[in-house]
Amino acid sequence: MDDNIQQLIQTSIYKSLPSHEEKIILEYLKSIPETQAYEILKLMIDEKSQITIAMAKKVLHTRDYVTLLFNYGVVKSNAQSIKL
């Protein structure tokens, strides 16, 4: 993974990214195989990135990966952080 992409993902843990920076991550995830994109999205979930779900909708197209990521996110989520 490119250092710039990794830095943007790290930044997304603490604050929302401007749309042009989100687009950089999105384009990168679209340019790699879906298997690798899935693994990066899992990493983003682990690190509590604020843009994971938005990215997943646009990158994952195989039903199995969408289901796996949903189940993984449910297991890893902190219900206390959910807002009404």
PDB file of N, CA and C in Angstrom:
ATOM      1  N   MET A   1       0.854  -1.179   0.000  1.00  0.00           N
ATOM      2  CA  MET A   1       0.000   0.000   0.000  1.00  0.00           C
ATOM      3  C   MET A   1       0.895   1.235   0.000  1.00  0.00           C
ATOM      4  N   ASP A   2       0.542   2.187  -0.790  1.00  0.00           N
ATOM      5  CA  ASP A   2       1.242   3.458  -0.934  1.00  0.00           C
ATOM      6  C   ASP A   2       1.260   4.212   0.413  1.00  0.00           C
ATOM      7  N   ASP A   3       2.357   4.889   0.721  1.00  0.00           N
ATOM      8  CA  ASP A   3       2.470   5.650   1.972  1.00  0.00           C
ATOM      9  C   ASP A   3       1.414   6.741   2.067  1.00  0.00           C
ATOM     10  N   ASN A   4       1.107   7.380   0.942  1.00  0.00           N
ATOM     11  CA  ASN A   4       0.097   8.439   0.937  1.00  0.00           C
ATOM     12  C   ASN A   4      -1.275   7.871   1.305  1.00  0.00           C
ATOM     13  N   ILE A   5      -1.620   6.729   0.750  1.00  0.00           N
ATOM     14  CA  ILE A   5      -2.904   6.082   1.059  1.00  0.00           C
ATOM     15  C   ILE A   5      -2.943   5.704   2.536  1.00  0.00           C
ATOM     16  N   GLN A   6      -1.872   5.129   3.012  1.00  0.00           N
ATOM     17  CA  GLN A   6      -1.801   4.723   4.413  1.00  0.00           C
ATOM     18  C   GLN A   6      -1.954   5.935   5.339  1.00  0.00           C
ATOM     19  N   GLN A   7      -1.334   7.043   4.988  1.00  0.00           N
ATOM     20  CA  GLN A   7      -1.436   8.264   5.793  1.00  0.00           C
ATOM     21  C   GLN A   7      -2.867   8.800   5.793  1.00  0.00           C
ATOM     22  N   LEU A   8      -3.514   8.765   4.640  1.00  0.00           N
ATOM     23  CA  LEU A   8      -4.902   9.225   4.565  1.00  0.00           C
ATOM     24  C   LEU A   8      -5.819   8.350   5.416  1.00  0.00           C
ATOM     25  N   ILE A   9      -5.601   7.050   5.393  1.00  0.00           N
ATOM     26  CA  ILE A   9      -6.410   6.143   6.214  1.00  0.00           C
ATOM     27  C   ILE A   9      -6.180   6.441   7.693  1.00  0.00           C
ATOM     28  N   GLN A  10      -4.938   6.658   8.082  1.00  0.00           N
ATOM     29  CA  GLN A  10      -4.633   6.992   9.478  1.00  0.00           C
ATOM     30  C   GLN A  10      -5.311   8.302   9.883  1.00  0.00           C
ATOM     31  N   THR A  11      -5.312   9.276   8.996  1.00  0.00           N
ATOM     32  CA  THR A  11      -5.957  10.563   9.276  1.00  0.00           C
ATOM     33  C   THR A  11      -7.456  10.388   9.446  1.00  0.00           C
ATOM     34  N   SER A  12      -8.051   9.475   8.667  1.00  0.00           N
ATOM     35  CA  SER A  12      -9.501   9.269   8.725  1.00  0.00           C
ATOM     36  C   SER A  12      -9.952   8.665  10.051  1.00  0.00           C
ATOM     37  N   ILE A  13      -9.021   8.204  10.849  1.00  0.00           N
ATOM     38  CA  ILE A  13      -9.361   7.669  12.167  1.00  0.00           C
ATOM     39  C   ILE A  13      -9.771   8.801  13.103  1.00  0.00           C
ATOM     40  N   TYR A  14      -9.137   9.938  12.947  1.00  0.00           N
ATOM     41  CA  TYR A  14      -9.319  11.046  13.871  1.00  0.00           C
ATOM     42  C   TYR A  14     -10.247  12.143  13.382  1.00  0.00           C
ATOM     43  N   LYS A  15     -10.429  12.249  12.070  1.00  0.00           N
ATOM     44  CA  LYS A  15     -11.289  13.299  11.530  1.00  0.00           C
ATOM     45  C   LYS A  15     -11.805  12.906  10.152  1.00  0.00           C
ATOM     46  N   SER A  16     -12.832  13.596   9.726  1.00  0.00           N
ATOM     47  CA  SER A  16     -13.367  13.379   8.383  1.00  0.00           C
ATOM     48  C   SER A  16     -12.382  13.943   7.366  1.00  0.00           C
ATOM     49  N   LEU A  17     -12.300  13.287   6.245  1.00  0.00           N
ATOM     50  CA  LEU A  17     -11.407  13.742   5.185  1.00  0.00           C
ATOM     51  C   LEU A  17     -12.177  14.601   4.192  1.00  0.00           C
ATOM     52  N   PRO A  18     -11.491  15.560   3.569  1.00  0.00           N
ATOM     53  CA  PRO A  18     -12.122  16.297   2.464  1.00  0.00           C
ATOM     54  C   PRO A  18     -12.455  15.318   1.329  1.00  0.00           C
ATOM     55  N   SER A  19     -13.428  15.658   0.528  1.00  0.00           N
ATOM     56  CA  SER A  19     -13.880  14.731  -0.508  1.00  0.00           C
ATOM     57  C   SER A  19     -12.777  14.347  -1.493  1.00  0.00           C
ATOM     58  N   HIS A  20     -11.865  15.247  -1.798  1.00  0.00           N
ATOM     59  CA  HIS A  20     -10.804  14.898  -2.751  1.00  0.00           C
ATOM     60  C   HIS A  20      -9.840  13.861  -2.160  1.00  0.00           C
ATOM     61  N   GLU A  21      -9.654  13.860  -0.843  1.00  0.00           N
ATOM     62  CA  GLU A  21      -8.798  12.850  -0.214  1.00  0.00           C
ATOM     63  C   GLU A  21      -9.523  11.506  -0.117  1.00  0.00           C
ATOM     64  N   GLU A  22     -10.828  11.539   0.162  1.00  0.00           N
ATOM     65  CA  GLU A  22     -11.609  10.303   0.154  1.00  0.00           C
ATOM     66  C   GLU A  22     -11.570   9.675  -1.235  1.00  0.00           C
ATOM     67  N   LYS A  23     -11.636  10.520  -2.247  1.00  0.00           N
ATOM     68  CA  LYS A  23     -11.618  10.028  -3.629  1.00  0.00           C
ATOM     69  C   LYS A  23     -10.292   9.343  -3.948  1.00  0.00           C
ATOM     70  N   ILE A  24      -9.186   9.821  -3.390  1.00  0.00           N
ATOM     71  CA  ILE A  24      -7.883   9.196  -3.604  1.00  0.00           C
ATOM     72  C   ILE A  24      -7.900   7.769  -3.055  1.00  0.00           C
ATOM     73  N   ILE A  25      -8.435   7.602  -1.849  1.00  0.00           N
ATOM     74  CA  ILE A  25      -8.529   6.265  -1.247  1.00  0.00           C
ATOM     75  C   ILE A  25      -9.468   5.393  -2.076  1.00  0.00           C
ATOM     76  N   LEU A  26     -10.597   5.945  -2.454  1.00  0.00           N
ATOM     77  CA  LEU A  26     -11.583   5.195  -3.244  1.00  0.00           C
ATOM     78  C   LEU A  26     -10.989   4.713  -4.562  1.00  0.00           C
ATOM     79  N   GLU A  27     -10.307   5.582  -5.272  1.00  0.00           N
ATOM     80  CA  GLU A  27      -9.700   5.198  -6.544  1.00  0.00           C
ATOM     81  C   GLU A  27      -8.652   4.109  -6.348  1.00  0.00           C
ATOM     82  N   TYR A  28      -7.896   4.206  -5.265  1.00  0.00           N
ATOM     83  CA  TYR A  28      -6.903   3.172  -4.977  1.00  0.00           C
ATOM     84  C   TYR A  28      -7.594   1.836  -4.728  1.00  0.00           C
ATOM     85  N   LEU A  29      -8.637   1.833  -3.903  1.00  0.00           N
ATOM     86  CA  LEU A  29      -9.341   0.586  -3.590  1.00  0.00           C
ATOM     87  C   LEU A  29      -9.989  -0.020  -4.828  1.00  0.00           C
ATOM     88  N   LYS A  30     -10.462   0.815  -5.723  1.00  0.00           N
ATOM     89  CA  LYS A  30     -11.053   0.316  -6.969  1.00  0.00           C
ATOM     90  C   LYS A  30     -10.001  -0.251  -7.917  1.00  0.00           C
ATOM     91  N   SER A  31      -8.759   0.210  -7.776  1.00  0.00           N
ATOM     92  CA  SER A  31      -7.706  -0.206  -8.698  1.00  0.00           C
ATOM     93  C   SER A  31      -7.050  -1.539  -8.324  1.00  0.00           C
ATOM     94  N   ILE A  32      -7.321  -2.026  -7.130  1.00  0.00           N
ATOM     95  CA  ILE A  32      -6.721  -3.279  -6.680  1.00  0.00           C
ATOM     96  C   ILE A  32      -7.789  -4.374  -6.689  1.00  0.00           C
ATOM     97  N   PRO A  33      -7.379  -5.634  -6.644  1.00  0.00           N
ATOM     98  CA  PRO A  33      -8.368  -6.725  -6.610  1.00  0.00           C
ATOM     99  C   PRO A  33      -9.282  -6.607  -5.387  1.00  0.00           C
ATOM    100  N   GLU A  34     -10.505  -7.073  -5.550  1.00  0.00           N
ATOM    101  CA  GLU A  34     -11.508  -6.967  -4.488  1.00  0.00           C
ATOM    102  C   GLU A  34     -11.047  -7.655  -3.197  1.00  0.00           C
ATOM    103  N   THR A  35     -10.304  -8.729  -3.304  1.00  0.00           N
ATOM    104  CA  THR A  35      -9.779  -9.429  -2.125  1.00  0.00           C
ATOM    105  C   THR A  35      -8.899  -8.508  -1.303  1.00  0.00           C
ATOM    106  N   GLN A  36      -7.998  -7.791  -1.963  1.00  0.00           N
ATOM    107  CA  GLN A  36      -7.111  -6.864  -1.250  1.00  0.00           C
ATOM    108  C   GLN A  36      -7.892  -5.678  -0.698  1.00  0.00           C
ATOM    109  N   ALA A  37      -8.858  -5.180  -1.451  1.00  0.00           N
ATOM    110  CA  ALA A  37      -9.681  -4.057  -0.983  1.00  0.00           C
ATOM    111  C   ALA A  37     -10.447  -4.468   0.263  1.00  0.00           C
ATOM    112  N   TYR A  38     -10.960  -5.691   0.276  1.00  0.00           N
ATOM    113  CA  TYR A  38     -11.671  -6.209   1.452  1.00  0.00           C
ATOM    114  C   TYR A  38     -10.764  -6.205   2.677  1.00  0.00           C
ATOM    115  N   GLU A  39      -9.533  -6.657   2.511  1.00  0.00           N
ATOM    116  CA  GLU A  39      -8.593  -6.697   3.640  1.00  0.00           C
ATOM    117  C   GLU A  39      -8.279  -5.294   4.157  1.00  0.00           C
ATOM    118  N   ILE A  40      -8.135  -4.339   3.259  1.00  0.00           N
ATOM    119  CA  ILE A  40      -7.873  -2.963   3.676  1.00  0.00           C
ATOM    120  C   ILE A  40      -9.094  -2.388   4.392  1.00  0.00           C
ATOM    121  N   LEU A  41     -10.281  -2.684   3.903  1.00  0.00           N
ATOM    122  CA  LEU A  41     -11.495  -2.219   4.569  1.00  0.00           C
ATOM    123  C   LEU A  41     -11.618  -2.819   5.973  1.00  0.00           C
ATOM    124  N   LYS A  42     -11.231  -4.079   6.124  1.00  0.00           N
ATOM    125  CA  LYS A  42     -11.223  -4.686   7.464  1.00  0.00           C
ATOM    126  C   LYS A  42     -10.256  -3.943   8.380  1.00  0.00           C
ATOM    127  N   LEU A  43      -9.101  -3.602   7.852  1.00  0.00           N
ATOM    128  CA  LEU A  43      -8.124  -2.831   8.618  1.00  0.00           C
ATOM    129  C   LEU A  43      -8.715  -1.481   9.034  1.00  0.00           C
ATOM    130  N   MET A  44      -9.432  -0.851   8.120  1.00  0.00           N
ATOM    131  CA  MET A  44     -10.071   0.427   8.423  1.00  0.00           C
ATOM    132  C   MET A  44     -11.118   0.281   9.517  1.00  0.00           C
ATOM    133  N   ILE A  45     -11.834  -0.830   9.515  1.00  0.00           N
ATOM    134  CA  ILE A  45     -12.805  -1.089  10.583  1.00  0.00           C
ATOM    135  C   ILE A  45     -12.071  -1.249  11.911  1.00  0.00           C
ATOM    136  N   ASP A  46     -10.995  -2.024  11.904  1.00  0.00           N
ATOM    137  CA  ASP A  46     -10.219  -2.234  13.131  1.00  0.00           C
ATOM    138  C   ASP A  46      -9.704  -0.920  13.705  1.00  0.00           C
ATOM    139  N   GLU A  47      -9.331  -0.007  12.824  1.00  0.00           N
ATOM    140  CA  GLU A  47      -8.762   1.261  13.260  1.00  0.00           C
ATOM    141  C   GLU A  47      -9.826   2.334  13.474  1.00  0.00           C
ATOM    142  N   LYS A  48     -11.086   1.979  13.268  1.00  0.00           N
ATOM    143  CA  LYS A  48     -12.229   2.874  13.475  1.00  0.00           C
ATOM    144  C   LYS A  48     -12.226   4.085  12.542  1.00  0.00           C
ATOM    145  N   SER A  49     -11.869   3.856  11.283  1.00  0.00           N
ATOM    146  CA  SER A  49     -11.910   4.916  10.275  1.00  0.00           C
ATOM    147  C   SER A  49     -13.339   5.425  10.126  1.00  0.00           C
ATOM    148  N   GLN A  50     -13.484   6.699   9.882  1.00  0.00           N
ATOM    149  CA  GLN A  50     -14.806   7.304   9.766  1.00  0.00           C
ATOM    150  C   GLN A  50     -15.425   7.146   8.375  1.00  0.00           C
ATOM    151  N   ILE A  51     -14.704   6.571   7.438  1.00  0.00           N
ATOM    152  CA  ILE A  51     -15.221   6.477   6.064  1.00  0.00           C
ATOM    153  C   ILE A  51     -15.366   5.046   5.557  1.00  0.00           C
ATOM    154  N   THR A  52     -15.261   4.062   6.399  1.00  0.00           N
ATOM    155  CA  THR A  52     -15.248   2.669   5.965  1.00  0.00           C
ATOM    156  C   THR A  52     -16.505   2.261   5.201  1.00  0.00           C
ATOM    157  N   ILE A  53     -17.677   2.535   5.745  1.00  0.00           N
ATOM    158  CA  ILE A  53     -18.916   2.077   5.117  1.00  0.00           C
ATOM    159  C   ILE A  53     -19.122   2.742   3.762  1.00  0.00           C
ATOM    160  N   ALA A  54     -18.835   4.018   3.672  1.00  0.00           N
ATOM    161  CA  ALA A  54     -18.975   4.726   2.398  1.00  0.00           C
ATOM    162  C   ALA A  54     -18.076   4.096   1.339  1.00  0.00           C
ATOM    163  N   MET A  55     -16.867   3.728   1.748  1.00  0.00           N
ATOM    164  CA  MET A  55     -15.937   3.102   0.811  1.00  0.00           C
ATOM    165  C   MET A  55     -16.417   1.707   0.422  1.00  0.00           C
ATOM    166  N   ALA A  56     -16.867   0.944   1.388  1.00  0.00           N
ATOM    167  CA  ALA A  56     -17.277  -0.439   1.138  1.00  0.00           C
ATOM    168  C   ALA A  56     -18.406  -0.504   0.110  1.00  0.00           C
ATOM    169  N   LYS A  57     -19.372   0.412   0.212  1.00  0.00           N
ATOM    170  CA  LYS A  57     -20.492   0.416  -0.729  1.00  0.00           C
ATOM    171  C   LYS A  57     -20.031   0.606  -2.165  1.00  0.00           C
ATOM    172  N   LYS A  58     -18.968   1.352  -2.336  1.00  0.00           N
ATOM    173  CA  LYS A  58     -18.512   1.700  -3.674  1.00  0.00           C
ATOM    174  C   LYS A  58     -17.468   0.739  -4.228  1.00  0.00           C
ATOM    175  N   VAL A  59     -16.864  -0.072  -3.358  1.00  0.00           N
ATOM    176  CA  VAL A  59     -15.740  -0.924  -3.781  1.00  0.00           C
ATOM    177  C   VAL A  59     -16.116  -2.394  -3.870  1.00  0.00           C
ATOM    178  N   LEU A  60     -16.851  -2.881  -2.882  1.00  0.00           N
ATOM    179  CA  LEU A  60     -17.182  -4.312  -2.843  1.00  0.00           C
ATOM    180  C   LEU A  60     -18.416  -4.585  -3.694  1.00  0.00           C
ATOM    181  N   HIS A  61     -18.284  -5.524  -4.611  1.00  0.00           N
ATOM    182  CA  HIS A  61     -19.395  -5.844  -5.513  1.00  0.00           C
ATOM    183  C   HIS A  61     -19.851  -7.291  -5.379  1.00  0.00           C
ATOM    184  N   THR A  62     -19.038  -8.125  -4.765  1.00  0.00           N
ATOM    185  CA  THR A  62     -19.386  -9.524  -4.576  1.00  0.00           C
ATOM    186  C   THR A  62     -20.180  -9.667  -3.283  1.00  0.00           C
ATOM    187  N   ARG A  63     -21.312 -10.321  -3.388  1.00  0.00           N
ATOM    188  CA  ARG A  63     -22.198 -10.461  -2.235  1.00  0.00           C
ATOM    189  C   ARG A  63     -21.475 -11.084  -1.037  1.00  0.00           C
ATOM    190  N   ASP A  64     -20.631 -12.070  -1.279  1.00  0.00           N
ATOM    191  CA  ASP A  64     -19.919 -12.729  -0.183  1.00  0.00           C
ATOM    192  C   ASP A  64     -19.037 -11.754   0.586  1.00  0.00           C
ATOM    193  N   TYR A  65     -18.322 -10.880  -0.129  1.00  0.00           N
ATOM    194  CA  TYR A  65     -17.463  -9.902   0.549  1.00  0.00           C
ATOM    195  C   TYR A  65     -18.281  -8.882   1.333  1.00  0.00           C
ATOM    196  N   VAL A  66     -19.408  -8.465   0.771  1.00  0.00           N
ATOM    197  CA  VAL A  66     -20.278  -7.512   1.473  1.00  0.00           C
ATOM    198  C   VAL A  66     -20.796  -8.144   2.764  1.00  0.00           C
ATOM    199  N   THR A  67     -21.241  -9.386   2.680  1.00  0.00           N
ATOM    200  CA  THR A  67     -21.748 -10.097   3.860  1.00  0.00           C
ATOM    201  C   THR A  67     -20.650 -10.299   4.892  1.00  0.00           C
ATOM    202  N   LEU A  68     -19.474 -10.728   4.442  1.00  0.00           N
ATOM    203  CA  LEU A  68     -18.355 -10.921   5.365  1.00  0.00           C
ATOM    204  C   LEU A  68     -17.970  -9.626   6.066  1.00  0.00           C
ATOM    205  N   LEU A  69     -17.916  -8.519   5.322  1.00  0.00           N
ATOM    206  CA  LEU A  69     -17.540  -7.240   5.919  1.00  0.00           C
ATOM    207  C   LEU A  69     -18.608  -6.775   6.904  1.00  0.00           C
ATOM    208  N   PHE A  70     -19.874  -6.962   6.563  1.00  0.00           N
ATOM    209  CA  PHE A  70     -20.947  -6.595   7.482  1.00  0.00           C
ATOM    210  C   PHE A  70     -20.820  -7.380   8.788  1.00  0.00           C
ATOM    211  N   ASN A  71     -20.666  -8.696   8.672  1.00  0.00           N
ATOM    212  CA  ASN A  71     -20.537  -9.523   9.871  1.00  0.00           C
ATOM    213  C   ASN A  71     -19.307  -9.150  10.688  1.00  0.00           C
ATOM    214  N   TYR A  72     -18.204  -8.870  10.012  1.00  0.00           N
ATOM    215  CA  TYR A  72     -16.975  -8.467  10.691  1.00  0.00           C
ATOM    216  C   TYR A  72     -17.192  -7.141  11.429  1.00  0.00           C
ATOM    217  N   GLY A  73     -17.858  -6.203  10.766  1.00  0.00           N
ATOM    218  CA  GLY A  73     -18.130  -4.901  11.382  1.00  0.00           C
ATOM    219  C   GLY A  73     -19.029  -5.006  12.591  1.00  0.00           C
ATOM    220  N   VAL A  74     -20.018  -5.883  12.537  1.00  0.00           N
ATOM    221  CA  VAL A  74     -20.921  -6.071  13.679  1.00  0.00           C
ATOM    222  C   VAL A  74     -20.149  -6.618  14.878  1.00  0.00           C
ATOM    223  N   VAL A  75     -19.268  -7.563  14.635  1.00  0.00           N
ATOM    224  CA  VAL A  75     -18.477  -8.165  15.716  1.00  0.00           C
ATOM    225  C   VAL A  75     -17.526  -7.137  16.318  1.00  0.00           C
ATOM    226  N   LYS A  76     -16.899  -6.313  15.477  1.00  0.00           N
ATOM    227  CA  LYS A  76     -15.886  -5.360  15.926  1.00  0.00           C
ATOM    228  C   LYS A  76     -16.464  -4.044  16.434  1.00  0.00           C
ATOM    229  N   SER A  77     -17.739  -3.787  16.199  1.00  0.00           N
ATOM    230  CA  SER A  77     -18.283  -2.472  16.551  1.00  0.00           C
ATOM    231  C   SER A  77     -18.457  -2.323  18.058  1.00  0.00           C
ATOM    232  N   ASN A  78     -18.486  -1.070  18.457  1.00  0.00           N
ATOM    233  CA  ASN A  78     -18.711  -0.724  19.847  1.00  0.00           C
ATOM    234  C   ASN A  78     -20.095  -0.087  19.895  1.00  0.00           C
ATOM    235  N   ALA A  79     -21.063  -0.795  20.435  1.00  0.00           N
ATOM    236  CA  ALA A  79     -22.448  -0.317  20.454  1.00  0.00           C
ATOM    237  C   ALA A  79     -22.596   0.981  21.232  1.00  0.00           C
ATOM    238  N   GLN A  80     -21.697   1.263  22.143  1.00  0.00           N
ATOM    239  CA  GLN A  80     -21.778   2.501  22.914  1.00  0.00           C
ATOM    240  C   GLN A  80     -21.556   3.738  22.051  1.00  0.00           C
ATOM    241  N   SER A  81     -20.888   3.553  20.910  1.00  0.00           N
ATOM    242  CA  SER A  81     -20.598   4.700  20.047  1.00  0.00           C
ATOM    243  C   SER A  81     -21.717   4.994  19.055  1.00  0.00           C
ATOM    244  N   ILE A  82     -22.770   4.176  19.025  1.00  0.00           N
ATOM    245  CA  ILE A  82     -23.872   4.370  18.098  1.00  0.00           C
ATOM    246  C   ILE A  82     -24.759   5.491  18.609  1.00  0.00           C
ATOM    247  N   LYS A  83     -25.073   6.425  17.717  1.00  0.00           N
ATOM    248  CA  LYS A  83     -25.925   7.559  18.075  1.00  0.00           C
ATOM    249  C   LYS A  83     -27.282   7.378  17.438  1.00  0.00           C
ATOM    250  N   LEU A  84     -28.307   7.936  18.064  1.00  0.00           N
ATOM    251  CA  LEU A  84     -29.656   7.876  17.502  1.00  0.00           C
ATOM    252  C   LEU A  84     -29.742   8.664  16.224  1.00  0.00           C
TER     253      LEU A  84
END
